[in-house]
């Protein structure tokens, strides 16, 4: 499969390609171009030219194109889900869910775009402005670069591409190098729906080459990036060279706090949802499980019993609950981290083994708060890291000692204790009596500290990818 520049399939300028591997069986699914800086430069020039006309298209006509796209997605649902599952290792039922999210997200952004009203500052609001009327309107930024991660490529395509297009920007997508095929197909469907050439382009390749070139390019006015904190910081610096507007959604090491008075069975079910989904490869997954001493042993035994019921297997099988990681190397890295936790005092009571790209659902208990995983070590795998605590103050201290601040959650039947906890958690999103893995399309999603800058969601994304112009009518009264 090729990348798409100015509405046409293109090879890389150096003709080099990359293999896309099915992580479950190690077979090559397809190849894609290894995009270069020259390819990015070409795409940016086409995007700049297309922007001149695209920004003039009325919002309702842009929305009509996106609604046609949603219908095409529905018609191609099976093929898209199978492609996503094969290239990612995502269980097929979860792949279908991600494809179905496209309509939810795109339609919500379409409706929001029709209500991006300006504001009016009436005359006389301020001394000296008695004869002046001031109003504001939103305008597009220009060319927006969207750098998308492997774990939820379609969901992040929704969050970034839909609002950017509706606001009148032109868009260049840098998909994940491991699994770009589904996003190439979505880009094709948007063109089939009527999107003019040059308005949306997709450049495949390594992030260190194509991604960096996109962020550095002076013709790119905004970068919206989801990925690791380390790469996010590089992206931020690259964009700063030409004062691009940069939004970053980065790593997380979310705390999952269970107090003695919690509904333990509920917390176990939410642990499965919040840690095992997508085989643990979720930025806002609950990763540090802080369990109060009074229910510590009960919680661990119930967690072991519940994980034993999960089916680990072929991602293409609808019965599979847990698939493989996105690459075998990712599983090797997770295995190393598991062994490191044990070396620092943790004890494996369930799972812990690797087989190719598979990591068994794993529970590690008795982890001291000094361990790396209790602080800043993010394990992107189905690993439940359990840390005991005695008091609320201790739980909050452990939760907040991390450099990350994406999300967090608490389980308790005491509403005062619940609100005290979420108020004190140093993170951007909190959940009471549910896992921190919660992201509706409507909500503003983003983190504190090293978890990012800015937010995404129907409520807030348009603020990130538009600029405000003030129009003043002087001496009108």
Foldseek 3Di string as FASTA:
>chain_A
DEWAAQRDGDAAPVNDKDFAAQLFPRDTPDIYHAHFLVNLVRLLVLQQVVLVPLQVDDLVVLLQLLVQLLVVLVVCLVVLLVLLCRRFQAFSVVSSVLSVCLCVLLVLLSVLLVVQDKDKDDAPPDPPRNQKIKIKDWAFQEEEEEEAASLRRSVSCSQPVNNNSSRSYAYEYEYHQNRCVSVSVSVNSSVVSPDGGSRYTYGYHDCVGSVLSNLQDLSHQEYEYEEALVVLVSSVVSNVVNVHQYWYFHAAAAEEAEELAFPLVLSLVQLCVQQCRSQRQDRQRHAEYEYEPNCVVVNVVVNQVVLVPAAEDRSHDNRHSHTFGSAQVLVVVLLVVLVQQVVQPWAWPDFSDDDRRHGRQTEIECRELPRCSLAEDRRRGNYHYYHYDHDLVVSLCSRQRHQWAFEYEYGHPDPVSRVVNRVSRQWDYYYYSHTSPDDDQADFGHIPGSRIDGTTHSPGVSVSRIDMDMDMDGSND
